[in-house]
Amino acid sequence: LARFPVYNHNPFDNCTYVGTTGYGTDIHINAEVMKCDLKIAIGSVVPHPNTGFGGGGKIILPGVSSMETIEHFHRIEAEFKQKYPSKLITGMGVFDDNPLRLNIEEAVALAGLDVKIDCIVNTWGETVAIFAGTPKPTWAAAVGEAKAHYLTPKTKGESIVIANTFAKANESIMVGLNTAFSAISDKGGDVVLIANAPDGQVTHYLMGSFGKTTSGKLKLQVKIPQYVNHLIIYSEYPDIAGRGYVEASDKVLFMNNWDDALGALQEFHRAETKVAVLPNAEIQYCV
């Protein structure tokens, strides 16, 4: 901050129209970005529940796009799922034929991004590989590495799943539960989500809650599968407002003391219970 001016993107104002994608998304990009002669973007590639993998052109769409552009981009996912109900076209690790990814790449071309630098990260969020160059081939190369790097053998039939989050601890409820839920036994089991984010869950203007009765236009609330008996969300930094990202249910228990979480599991299960631990549930994907 002392060496360079750093500005936050404002999606509600000062965005410039640069064109419309083949998916019907009107692309409005941060005006300051569009006035730059050379556009270099830096990011990281990790599995993403919608676009398959993050990084790449996501720093343009939705990254520095207008709110209207961001909303349309997210809405078309639901349209595609309705049109192709039996086809897996989005989801963690689903990249090659993902329409959201293709829409992003069109937006990148319209915005004129020159160079993209993408990192692969490890358990501790440390950079272990770097890819740089023109956006489309750079993203493809980084994803090629990421597909193997973040791949986790699928497990099923667990009675307890401990799902830790680190890289995206402030989005843990939004993106850290799908992999954990899929590992639970059909006969029932419990998930412990470690959501240790000192600043609480992220403010999401499109999907978050902004009061007891108000929310973004595409409010997200994670639904608890029937076979999950309890979801314990553990954080040393309680965030009451952030609880809006999960449905209100007697199954959900919020705890800020690890001994209490262990005590609850001991109450619910026998000593020989089958347990799985996901060290980075928010950036692991299973096949």
C-alpha atoms as a PDB file:
ATOM      1  CA  LEU A   1       0.000   0.000   0.000  1.00  0.00           C
ATOM      2  CA  ALA A   2       2.948   2.321   0.579  1.00  0.00           C
ATOM      3  CA  ARG A   3       4.515   1.565  -2.818  1.00  0.00           C
ATOM      4  CA  PHE A   4       1.431   1.447  -5.044  1.00  0.00           C
ATOM      5  CA  PRO A   5      -2.064   2.954  -5.010  1.00  0.00           C
ATOM      6  CA  VAL A   6      -4.565   0.140  -4.373  1.00  0.00           C
ATOM      7  CA  TYR A   7      -8.231   0.760  -5.141  1.00  0.00           C
ATOM      8  CA  ASN A   8     -11.266  -1.409  -4.449  1.00  0.00           C
ATOM      9  CA  HIS A   9     -13.592  -2.134  -7.356  1.00  0.00           C
ATOM     10  CA  ASN A  10     -17.043  -0.511  -7.112  1.00  0.00           C
ATOM     11  CA  PRO A  11     -19.569  -2.673  -9.019  1.00  0.00           C
ATOM     12  CA  PHE A  12     -22.362  -0.131  -8.542  1.00  0.00           C
ATOM     13  CA  ASP A  13     -20.834   2.805 -10.429  1.00  0.00           C
ATOM     14  CA  ASN A  14     -18.243   3.893 -13.006  1.00  0.00           C
ATOM     15  CA  CYS A  15     -18.395   0.815 -15.228  1.00  0.00           C
ATOM     16  CA  THR A  16     -17.984   0.972 -19.016  1.00  0.00           C
ATOM     17  CA  TYR A  17     -19.923  -1.136 -21.546  1.00  0.00           C
ATOM     18  CA  VAL A  18     -17.518  -3.118 -23.752  1.00  0.00           C
ATOM     19  CA  GLY A  19     -19.866  -5.517 -25.560  1.00  0.00           C
ATOM     20  CA  THR A  20     -22.199  -8.492 -25.174  1.00  0.00           C
ATOM     21  CA  THR A  21     -21.173 -12.154 -25.041  1.00  0.00           C
ATOM     22  CA  GLY A  22     -22.771 -14.921 -27.037  1.00  0.00           C
ATOM     23  CA  TYR A  23     -24.531 -15.913 -23.823  1.00  0.00           C
ATOM     24  CA  GLY A  24     -26.349 -12.582 -23.715  1.00  0.00           C
ATOM     25  CA  THR A  25     -24.322 -11.067 -20.887  1.00  0.00           C
ATOM     26  CA  ASP A  26     -23.817  -7.321 -21.310  1.00  0.00           C
ATOM     27  CA  ILE A  27     -20.267  -6.721 -20.143  1.00  0.00           C
ATOM     28  CA  HIS A  28     -19.687  -3.533 -18.141  1.00  0.00           C
ATOM     29  CA  ILE A  29     -16.126  -3.255 -16.797  1.00  0.00           C
ATOM     30  CA  ASN A  30     -14.531  -0.939 -14.240  1.00  0.00           C
ATOM     31  CA  ALA A  31     -13.889   2.338 -16.085  1.00  0.00           C
ATOM     32  CA  GLU A  32     -10.425   2.782 -14.576  1.00  0.00           C
ATOM     33  CA  VAL A  33      -9.399  -0.658 -15.812  1.00  0.00           C
ATOM     34  CA  MET A  34     -10.656   0.096 -19.314  1.00  0.00           C
ATOM     35  CA  LYS A  35      -8.612   3.314 -19.480  1.00  0.00           C
ATOM     36  CA  CYS A  36      -5.361   1.424 -18.889  1.00  0.00           C
ATOM     37  CA  ASP A  37      -3.068   0.789 -21.869  1.00  0.00           C
ATOM     38  CA  LEU A  38      -1.720  -2.447 -20.391  1.00  0.00           C
ATOM     39  CA  LYS A  39      -3.884  -4.757 -18.293  1.00  0.00           C
ATOM     40  CA  ILE A  40      -2.098  -7.355 -16.143  1.00  0.00           C
ATOM     41  CA  ALA A  41      -4.098  -9.451 -13.673  1.00  0.00           C
ATOM     42  CA  ILE A  42      -2.867 -11.650 -10.825  1.00  0.00           C
ATOM     43  CA  GLY A  43      -4.843 -14.472  -9.215  1.00  0.00           C
ATOM     44  CA  SER A  44      -4.905 -18.094  -8.120  1.00  0.00           C
ATOM     45  CA  VAL A  45      -6.487 -21.230  -9.513  1.00  0.00           C
ATOM     46  CA  VAL A  46      -8.478 -23.380  -7.078  1.00  0.00           C
ATOM     47  CA  PRO A  47     -11.582 -25.538  -7.604  1.00  0.00           C
ATOM     48  CA  HIS A  48     -14.797 -23.519  -7.768  1.00  0.00           C
ATOM     49  CA  PRO A  49     -18.375 -24.789  -7.205  1.00  0.00           C
ATOM     50  CA  ASN A  50     -19.741 -23.032 -10.311  1.00  0.00           C
ATOM     51  CA  THR A  51     -17.011 -22.363 -12.865  1.00  0.00           C
ATOM     52  CA  GLY A  52     -15.096 -25.571 -12.155  1.00  0.00           C
ATOM     53  CA  PHE A  53     -11.928 -23.687 -11.317  1.00  0.00           C
ATOM     54  CA  GLY A  54     -11.297 -20.113 -10.285  1.00  0.00           C
ATOM     55  CA  GLY A  55      -8.513 -17.896 -11.493  1.00  0.00           C
ATOM     56  CA  GLY A  56      -8.131 -17.041 -15.159  1.00  0.00           C
ATOM     57  CA  GLY A  57     -10.694 -14.590 -16.437  1.00  0.00           C
ATOM     58  CA  LYS A  58     -12.770 -14.602 -13.267  1.00  0.00           C
ATOM     59  CA  ILE A  59     -10.821 -11.514 -12.264  1.00  0.00           C
ATOM     60  CA  ILE A  60     -12.667  -9.771 -15.137  1.00  0.00           C
ATOM     61  CA  LEU A  61     -16.048 -11.532 -14.881  1.00  0.00           C
ATOM     62  CA  PRO A  62     -17.270 -11.247 -12.187  1.00  0.00           C
ATOM     63  CA  GLY A  63     -14.128  -9.603 -10.734  1.00  0.00           C
ATOM     64  CA  VAL A  64     -14.228  -6.023 -12.038  1.00  0.00           C
ATOM     65  CA  SER A  65     -17.658  -6.137 -13.695  1.00  0.00           C
ATOM     66  CA  SER A  66     -20.786  -4.153 -12.872  1.00  0.00           C
ATOM     67  CA  MET A  67     -23.441  -5.563 -10.564  1.00  0.00           C
ATOM     68  CA  GLU A  68     -25.853  -6.023 -13.479  1.00  0.00           C
ATOM     69  CA  THR A  69     -23.222  -7.989 -15.378  1.00  0.00           C
ATOM     70  CA  ILE A  70     -22.414 -10.099 -12.321  1.00  0.00           C
ATOM     71  CA  GLU A  71     -26.077 -10.889 -11.719  1.00  0.00           C
ATOM     72  CA  HIS A  72     -26.705 -12.031 -15.298  1.00  0.00           C
ATOM     73  CA  PHE A  73     -23.549 -14.131 -15.234  1.00  0.00           C
ATOM     74  CA  HIS A  74     -24.803 -16.019 -12.173  1.00  0.00           C
ATOM     75  CA  ARG A  75     -28.372 -16.368 -13.428  1.00  0.00           C
ATOM     76  CA  ILE A  76     -27.435 -18.200 -16.625  1.00  0.00           C
ATOM     77  CA  GLU A  77     -26.155 -21.143 -14.580  1.00  0.00           C
ATOM     78  CA  ALA A  78     -29.704 -21.849 -13.399  1.00  0.00           C
ATOM     79  CA  GLU A  79     -30.952 -21.516 -16.984  1.00  0.00           C
ATOM     80  CA  PHE A  80     -28.452 -24.085 -18.242  1.00  0.00           C
ATOM     81  CA  LYS A  81     -29.291 -26.510 -15.440  1.00  0.00           C
ATOM     82  CA  GLN A  82     -32.978 -26.280 -16.363  1.00  0.00           C
ATOM     83  CA  LYS A  83     -32.173 -26.788 -20.043  1.00  0.00           C
ATOM     84  CA  TYR A  84     -29.838 -29.750 -19.439  1.00  0.00           C
ATOM     85  CA  PRO A  85     -31.066 -31.329 -16.164  1.00  0.00           C
ATOM     86  CA  SER A  86     -29.200 -34.622 -16.641  1.00  0.00           C
ATOM     87  CA  LYS A  87     -25.878 -33.133 -17.775  1.00  0.00           C
ATOM     88  CA  LEU A  88     -23.124 -32.079 -15.385  1.00  0.00           C
ATOM     89  CA  ILE A  89     -22.044 -28.743 -16.866  1.00  0.00           C
ATOM     90  CA  THR A  90     -20.992 -26.818 -13.749  1.00  0.00           C
ATOM     91  CA  GLY A  91     -19.488 -27.795 -10.399  1.00  0.00           C
ATOM     92  CA  MET A  92     -16.171 -28.330  -8.622  1.00  0.00           C
ATOM     93  CA  GLY A  93     -13.617 -29.437 -11.212  1.00  0.00           C
ATOM     94  CA  VAL A  94     -16.074 -29.272 -14.153  1.00  0.00           C
ATOM     95  CA  PHE A  95     -14.240 -26.984 -16.572  1.00  0.00           C
ATOM     96  CA  ASP A  96     -13.863 -28.035 -20.202  1.00  0.00           C
ATOM     97  CA  ASP A  97     -17.471 -27.619 -21.425  1.00  0.00           C
ATOM     98  CA  ASN A  98     -18.596 -25.320 -18.623  1.00  0.00           C
ATOM     99  CA  PRO A  99     -20.724 -22.498 -20.130  1.00  0.00           C
ATOM    100  CA  LEU A 100     -19.778 -20.147 -17.307  1.00  0.00           C
ATOM    101  CA  ARG A 101     -16.111 -20.606 -18.185  1.00  0.00           C
ATOM    102  CA  LEU A 102     -16.833 -19.977 -21.869  1.00  0.00           C
ATOM    103  CA  ASN A 103     -18.811 -16.848 -20.992  1.00  0.00           C
ATOM    104  CA  ILE A 104     -15.871 -15.605 -18.915  1.00  0.00           C
ATOM    105  CA  GLU A 105     -13.422 -16.084 -21.768  1.00  0.00           C
ATOM    106  CA  GLU A 106     -15.619 -14.020 -24.082  1.00  0.00           C
ATOM    107  CA  ALA A 107     -15.746 -11.254 -21.464  1.00  0.00           C
ATOM    108  CA  VAL A 108     -11.951 -11.316 -21.144  1.00  0.00           C
ATOM    109  CA  ALA A 109     -11.575 -10.792 -24.880  1.00  0.00           C
ATOM    110  CA  LEU A 110     -14.038  -7.886 -24.823  1.00  0.00           C
ATOM    111  CA  ALA A 111     -12.237  -6.269 -21.894  1.00  0.00           C
ATOM    112  CA  GLY A 112      -8.846  -6.640 -23.563  1.00  0.00           C
ATOM    113  CA  LEU A 113      -6.947  -8.280 -20.720  1.00  0.00           C
ATOM    114  CA  ASP A 114      -3.340  -8.553 -21.906  1.00  0.00           C
ATOM    115  CA  VAL A 115      -1.567 -10.763 -19.362  1.00  0.00           C
ATOM    116  CA  LYS A 116      -2.738 -13.132 -16.622  1.00  0.00           C
ATOM    117  CA  ILE A 117      -0.585 -14.499 -13.815  1.00  0.00           C
ATOM    118  CA  ASP A 118      -2.096 -17.484 -11.974  1.00  0.00           C
ATOM    119  CA  CYS A 119      -0.793 -19.347  -8.928  1.00  0.00           C
ATOM    120  CA  ILE A 120      -1.423 -22.847  -7.600  1.00  0.00           C
ATOM    121  CA  VAL A 121      -1.474 -22.987  -3.797  1.00  0.00           C
ATOM    122  CA  ASN A 122      -0.866 -25.627  -1.145  1.00  0.00           C
ATOM    123  CA  THR A 123      -2.587 -26.423   2.148  1.00  0.00           C
ATOM    124  CA  TRP A 124      -1.157 -23.288   3.774  1.00  0.00           C
ATOM    125  CA  GLY A 125      -2.033 -20.957   0.902  1.00  0.00           C
ATOM    126  CA  GLU A 126       1.583 -20.837  -0.241  1.00  0.00           C
ATOM    127  CA  THR A 127       2.352 -20.560  -3.957  1.00  0.00           C
ATOM    128  CA  VAL A 128       3.738 -23.817  -5.381  1.00  0.00           C
ATOM    129  CA  ALA A 129       3.415 -23.101  -9.125  1.00  0.00           C
ATOM    130  CA  ILE A 130       3.045 -19.995 -11.292  1.00  0.00           C
ATOM    131  CA  PHE A 131       1.643 -19.658 -14.808  1.00  0.00           C
ATOM    132  CA  ALA A 132       1.829 -16.447 -16.832  1.00  0.00           C
ATOM    133  CA  GLY A 133       1.005 -15.279 -20.339  1.00  0.00           C
ATOM    134  CA  THR A 134      -1.968 -14.444 -22.523  1.00  0.00           C
ATOM    135  CA  PRO A 135      -5.173 -15.188 -20.577  1.00  0.00           C
ATOM    136  CA  LYS A 136      -6.819 -18.152 -22.333  1.00  0.00           C
ATOM    137  CA  PRO A 137      -3.833 -20.528 -22.702  1.00  0.00           C
ATOM    138  CA  THR A 138      -2.490 -19.518 -19.304  1.00  0.00           C
ATOM    139  CA  TRP A 139      -5.753 -20.434 -17.587  1.00  0.00           C
ATOM    140  CA  ALA A 140      -5.911 -23.723 -19.490  1.00  0.00           C
ATOM    141  CA  ALA A 141      -2.351 -24.616 -18.482  1.00  0.00           C
ATOM    142  CA  ALA A 142      -2.932 -23.698 -14.844  1.00  0.00           C
ATOM    143  CA  VAL A 143      -6.150 -25.717 -14.727  1.00  0.00           C
ATOM    144  CA  GLY A 144      -4.342 -28.689 -16.267  1.00  0.00           C
ATOM    145  CA  GLU A 145      -2.008 -28.640 -13.268  1.00  0.00           C
ATOM    146  CA  ALA A 146      -4.814 -27.851 -10.814  1.00  0.00           C
ATOM    147  CA  LYS A 147      -6.908 -30.851 -11.857  1.00  0.00           C
ATOM    148  CA  ALA A 148      -4.271 -33.179 -10.442  1.00  0.00           C
ATOM    149  CA  HIS A 149      -3.031 -30.924  -7.643  1.00  0.00           C
ATOM    150  CA  TYR A 150      -6.389 -30.472  -5.870  1.00  0.00           C
ATOM    151  CA  LEU A 151      -7.898 -33.869  -6.741  1.00  0.00           C
ATOM    152  CA  THR A 152      -9.061 -35.863  -3.723  1.00  0.00           C
ATOM    153  CA  PRO A 153     -10.070 -39.546  -3.846  1.00  0.00           C
ATOM    154  CA  LYS A 154     -13.773 -39.795  -3.162  1.00  0.00           C
ATOM    155  CA  THR A 155     -14.798 -41.224   0.187  1.00  0.00           C
ATOM    156  CA  LYS A 156     -18.305 -42.301   1.177  1.00  0.00           C
ATOM    157  CA  GLY A 157     -20.029 -43.879   4.128  1.00  0.00           C
ATOM    158  CA  GLU A 158     -18.419 -41.741   6.811  1.00  0.00           C
ATOM    159  CA  SER A 159     -20.170 -41.175  10.135  1.00  0.00           C
ATOM    160  CA  ILE A 160     -18.204 -37.989  10.848  1.00  0.00           C
ATOM    161  CA  VAL A 161     -16.513 -35.596   8.433  1.00  0.00           C
ATOM    162  CA  ILE A 162     -14.218 -32.887   9.784  1.00  0.00           C
ATOM    163  CA  ALA A 163     -14.024 -30.222   7.069  1.00  0.00           C
ATOM    164  CA  ASN A 164     -11.317 -27.649   7.629  1.00  0.00           C
ATOM    165  CA  THR A 165     -11.124 -24.462   5.555  1.00  0.00           C
ATOM    166  CA  PHE A 166      -8.171 -22.131   5.218  1.00  0.00           C
ATOM    167  CA  ALA A 167      -7.706 -20.468   1.820  1.00  0.00           C
ATOM    168  CA  LYS A 168     -11.357 -19.425   1.809  1.00  0.00           C
ATOM    169  CA  ALA A 169     -12.205 -19.545   5.500  1.00  0.00           C
ATOM    170  CA  ASN A 170     -14.339 -16.423   5.053  1.00  0.00           C
ATOM    171  CA  GLU A 171     -16.414 -18.282   2.428  1.00  0.00           C
ATOM    172  CA  SER A 172     -16.394 -21.604   4.234  1.00  0.00           C
ATOM    173  CA  ILE A 173     -20.162 -21.970   4.549  1.00  0.00           C
ATOM    174  CA  MET A 174     -20.654 -21.074   0.884  1.00  0.00           C
ATOM    175  CA  VAL A 175     -18.021 -23.387  -0.618  1.00  0.00           C
ATOM    176  CA  GLY A 176     -16.741 -25.753   2.076  1.00  0.00           C
ATOM    177  CA  LEU A 177     -19.699 -28.050   2.611  1.00  0.00           C
ATOM    178  CA  ASN A 178     -20.499 -29.832  -0.664  1.00  0.00           C
ATOM    179  CA  THR A 179     -17.456 -32.101  -0.545  1.00  0.00           C
ATOM    180  CA  ALA A 180     -18.094 -32.826   3.135  1.00  0.00           C
ATOM    181  CA  PHE A 181     -21.780 -33.641   2.647  1.00  0.00           C
ATOM    182  CA  SER A 182     -20.995 -36.075  -0.182  1.00  0.00           C
ATOM    183  CA  ALA A 183     -18.752 -38.140   2.119  1.00  0.00           C
ATOM    184  CA  ILE A 184     -21.414 -38.775   4.765  1.00  0.00           C
ATOM    185  CA  SER A 185     -23.085 -42.172   4.974  1.00  0.00           C
ATOM    186  CA  ASP A 186     -26.589 -42.474   3.548  1.00  0.00           C
ATOM    187  CA  LYS A 187     -27.522 -43.920   6.947  1.00  0.00           C
ATOM    188  CA  GLY A 188     -26.673 -40.615   8.600  1.00  0.00           C
ATOM    189  CA  GLY A 189     -23.741 -38.758  10.043  1.00  0.00           C
ATOM    190  CA  ASP A 190     -22.368 -35.440  11.209  1.00  0.00           C
ATOM    191  CA  VAL A 191     -20.224 -32.733   9.631  1.00  0.00           C
ATOM    192  CA  VAL A 192     -17.938 -30.353  11.506  1.00  0.00           C
ATOM    193  CA  LEU A 193     -17.050 -27.302   9.426  1.00  0.00           C
ATOM    194  CA  ILE A 194     -14.045 -25.358  10.724  1.00  0.00           C
ATOM    195  CA  ALA A 195     -14.738 -21.781   9.654  1.00  0.00           C
ATOM    196  CA  ASN A 196     -12.012 -19.955  11.542  1.00  0.00           C
ATOM    197  CA  ALA A 197     -12.186 -16.549   9.849  1.00  0.00           C
ATOM    198  CA  PRO A 198     -11.201 -13.647  12.166  1.00  0.00           C
ATOM    199  CA  ASP A 199     -13.160 -11.145  10.050  1.00  0.00           C
ATOM    200  CA  GLY A 200     -16.223 -13.376   9.756  1.00  0.00           C
ATOM    201  CA  GLN A 201     -17.920 -14.614   6.611  1.00  0.00           C
ATOM    202  CA  VAL A 202     -17.473 -12.526   3.479  1.00  0.00           C
ATOM    203  CA  THR A 203     -19.893  -9.771   2.479  1.00  0.00           C
ATOM    204  CA  HIS A 204     -21.505 -10.967  -0.765  1.00  0.00           C
ATOM    205  CA  TYR A 205     -23.684  -8.280  -2.332  1.00  0.00           C
ATOM    206  CA  LEU A 206     -25.453 -10.709  -4.645  1.00  0.00           C
ATOM    207  CA  MET A 207     -25.953 -13.753  -2.415  1.00  0.00           C
ATOM    208  CA  GLY A 208     -25.531 -12.569   1.161  1.00  0.00           C
ATOM    209  CA  SER A 209     -27.959 -11.453   3.869  1.00  0.00           C
ATOM    210  CA  PHE A 210     -28.225  -7.800   4.852  1.00  0.00           C
ATOM    211  CA  GLY A 211     -30.681  -8.159   7.711  1.00  0.00           C
ATOM    212  CA  LYS A 212     -33.237 -10.632   9.004  1.00  0.00           C
ATOM    213  CA  THR A 213     -35.587  -9.920   6.097  1.00  0.00           C
ATOM    214  CA  THR A 214     -33.326  -8.477   3.373  1.00  0.00           C
ATOM    215  CA  SER A 215     -30.702 -10.053   1.141  1.00  0.00           C
ATOM    216  CA  GLY A 216     -28.983  -9.852  -2.220  1.00  0.00           C
ATOM    217  CA  LYS A 217     -30.992 -10.651  -5.344  1.00  0.00           C
ATOM    218  CA  LEU A 218     -29.705 -14.230  -5.495  1.00  0.00           C
ATOM    219  CA  LYS A 219     -29.655 -15.139  -1.826  1.00  0.00           C
ATOM    220  CA  LEU A 220     -27.648 -18.250  -1.060  1.00  0.00           C
ATOM    221  CA  GLN A 221     -28.628 -20.557   1.782  1.00  0.00           C
ATOM    222  CA  VAL A 222     -26.965 -23.934   2.007  1.00  0.00           C
ATOM    223  CA  LYS A 223     -29.520 -26.702   2.517  1.00  0.00           C
ATOM    224  CA  ILE A 224     -28.724 -29.526   4.918  1.00  0.00           C
ATOM    225  CA  PRO A 225     -29.188 -32.954   3.265  1.00  0.00           C
ATOM    226  CA  GLN A 226     -31.649 -35.265   4.963  1.00  0.00           C
ATOM    227  CA  TYR A 227     -28.922 -37.807   5.758  1.00  0.00           C
ATOM    228  CA  VAL A 228     -26.820 -35.247   7.659  1.00  0.00           C
ATOM    229  CA  ASN A 229     -27.887 -35.433  11.297  1.00  0.00           C
ATOM    230  CA  HIS A 230     -25.887 -32.468  12.581  1.00  0.00           C
ATOM    231  CA  LEU A 231     -23.796 -29.694  11.087  1.00  0.00           C
ATOM    232  CA  ILE A 232     -21.429 -28.183  13.634  1.00  0.00           C
ATOM    233  CA  ILE A 233     -19.945 -24.882  12.447  1.00  0.00           C
ATOM    234  CA  TYR A 234     -16.907 -24.121  14.567  1.00  0.00           C
ATOM    235  CA  SER A 235     -15.128 -20.777  14.735  1.00  0.00           C
ATOM    236  CA  GLU A 236     -13.140 -19.024  17.425  1.00  0.00           C
ATOM    237  CA  TYR A 237     -14.573 -15.815  15.971  1.00  0.00           C
ATOM    238  CA  PRO A 238     -18.392 -16.038  16.143  1.00  0.00           C
ATOM    239  CA  ASP A 239     -20.178 -14.272  13.280  1.00  0.00           C
ATOM    240  CA  ILE A 240     -23.921 -14.122  13.894  1.00  0.00           C
ATOM    241  CA  ALA A 241     -24.734 -12.307  10.653  1.00  0.00           C
ATOM    242  CA  GLY A 242     -22.705 -14.834   8.662  1.00  0.00           C
ATOM    243  CA  ARG A 243     -25.060 -17.584   9.780  1.00  0.00           C
ATOM    244  CA  GLY A 244     -27.452 -16.447   7.055  1.00  0.00           C
ATOM    245  CA  TYR A 245     -25.511 -18.500   4.506  1.00  0.00           C
ATOM    246  CA  VAL A 246     -26.942 -21.729   5.941  1.00  0.00           C
ATOM    247  CA  GLU A 247     -30.601 -22.597   6.400  1.00  0.00           C
ATOM    248  CA  ALA A 248     -32.122 -22.193   9.850  1.00  0.00           C
ATOM    249  CA  SER A 249     -32.378 -25.716  11.237  1.00  0.00           C
ATOM    250  CA  ASP A 250     -32.164 -27.573  14.527  1.00  0.00           C
ATOM    251  CA  LYS A 251     -29.459 -29.645  12.839  1.00  0.00           C
ATOM    252  CA  VAL A 252     -27.080 -26.669  12.747  1.00  0.00           C
ATOM    253  CA  LEU A 253     -24.977 -26.058  15.855  1.00  0.00           C
ATOM    254  CA  PHE A 254     -22.647 -23.041  16.102  1.00  0.00           C
ATOM    255  CA  MET A 255     -19.722 -23.485  18.497  1.00  0.00           C
ATOM    256  CA  ASN A 256     -16.618 -21.451  19.368  1.00  0.00           C
ATOM    257  CA  ASN A 257     -14.966 -23.939  21.736  1.00  0.00           C
ATOM    258  CA  TRP A 258     -13.290 -27.004  20.238  1.00  0.00           C
ATOM    259  CA  ASP A 259     -13.826 -29.076  23.375  1.00  0.00           C
ATOM    260  CA  ASP A 260     -17.561 -28.442  23.037  1.00  0.00           C
ATOM    261  CA  ALA A 261     -17.481 -29.676  19.446  1.00  0.00           C
ATOM    262  CA  LEU A 262     -15.628 -32.844  20.462  1.00  0.00           C
ATOM    263  CA  GLY A 263     -18.035 -33.349  23.345  1.00  0.00           C
ATOM    264  CA  ALA A 264     -21.014 -33.160  21.000  1.00  0.00           C
ATOM    265  CA  LEU A 265     -19.474 -35.745  18.663  1.00  0.00           C
ATOM    266  CA  GLN A 266     -18.771 -38.060  21.596  1.00  0.00           C
ATOM    267  CA  GLU A 267     -22.396 -37.727  22.621  1.00  0.00           C
ATOM    268  CA  PHE A 268     -23.656 -38.515  19.106  1.00  0.00           C
ATOM    269  CA  HIS A 269     -21.258 -41.403  18.261  1.00  0.00           C
ATOM    270  CA  ARG A 270     -19.490 -44.484  19.598  1.00  0.00           C
ATOM    271  CA  ALA A 271     -15.708 -44.740  19.939  1.00  0.00           C
ATOM    272  CA  GLU A 272     -15.311 -46.866  16.787  1.00  0.00           C
ATOM    273  CA  THR A 273     -17.034 -44.332  14.546  1.00  0.00           C
ATOM    274  CA  LYS A 274     -15.712 -43.965  10.991  1.00  0.00           C
ATOM    275  CA  VAL A 275     -14.213 -40.477  10.487  1.00  0.00           C
ATOM    276  CA  ALA A 276     -12.817 -38.567   7.497  1.00  0.00           C
ATOM    277  CA  VAL A 277     -10.790 -35.364   7.705  1.00  0.00           C
ATOM    278  CA  LEU A 278     -10.701 -32.897   4.805  1.00  0.00           C
ATOM    279  CA  PRO A 279      -7.784 -30.503   5.428  1.00  0.00           C
ATOM    280  CA  ASN A 280      -8.930 -28.005   2.771  1.00  0.00           C
ATOM    281  CA  ALA A 281     -12.566 -28.770   2.068  1.00  0.00           C
ATOM    282  CA  GLU A 282     -13.140 -25.515   0.193  1.00  0.00           C
ATOM    283  CA  ILE A 283     -10.440 -26.186  -2.423  1.00  0.00           C
ATOM    284  CA  GLN A 284     -10.578 -29.979  -2.673  1.00  0.00           C
ATOM    285  CA  TYR A 285     -12.699 -31.715  -5.273  1.00  0.00           C
ATOM    286  CA  CYS A 286     -13.538 -35.400  -5.505  1.00  0.00           C
ATOM    287  CA  VAL A 287     -14.121 -37.741  -8.418  1.00  0.00           C
END
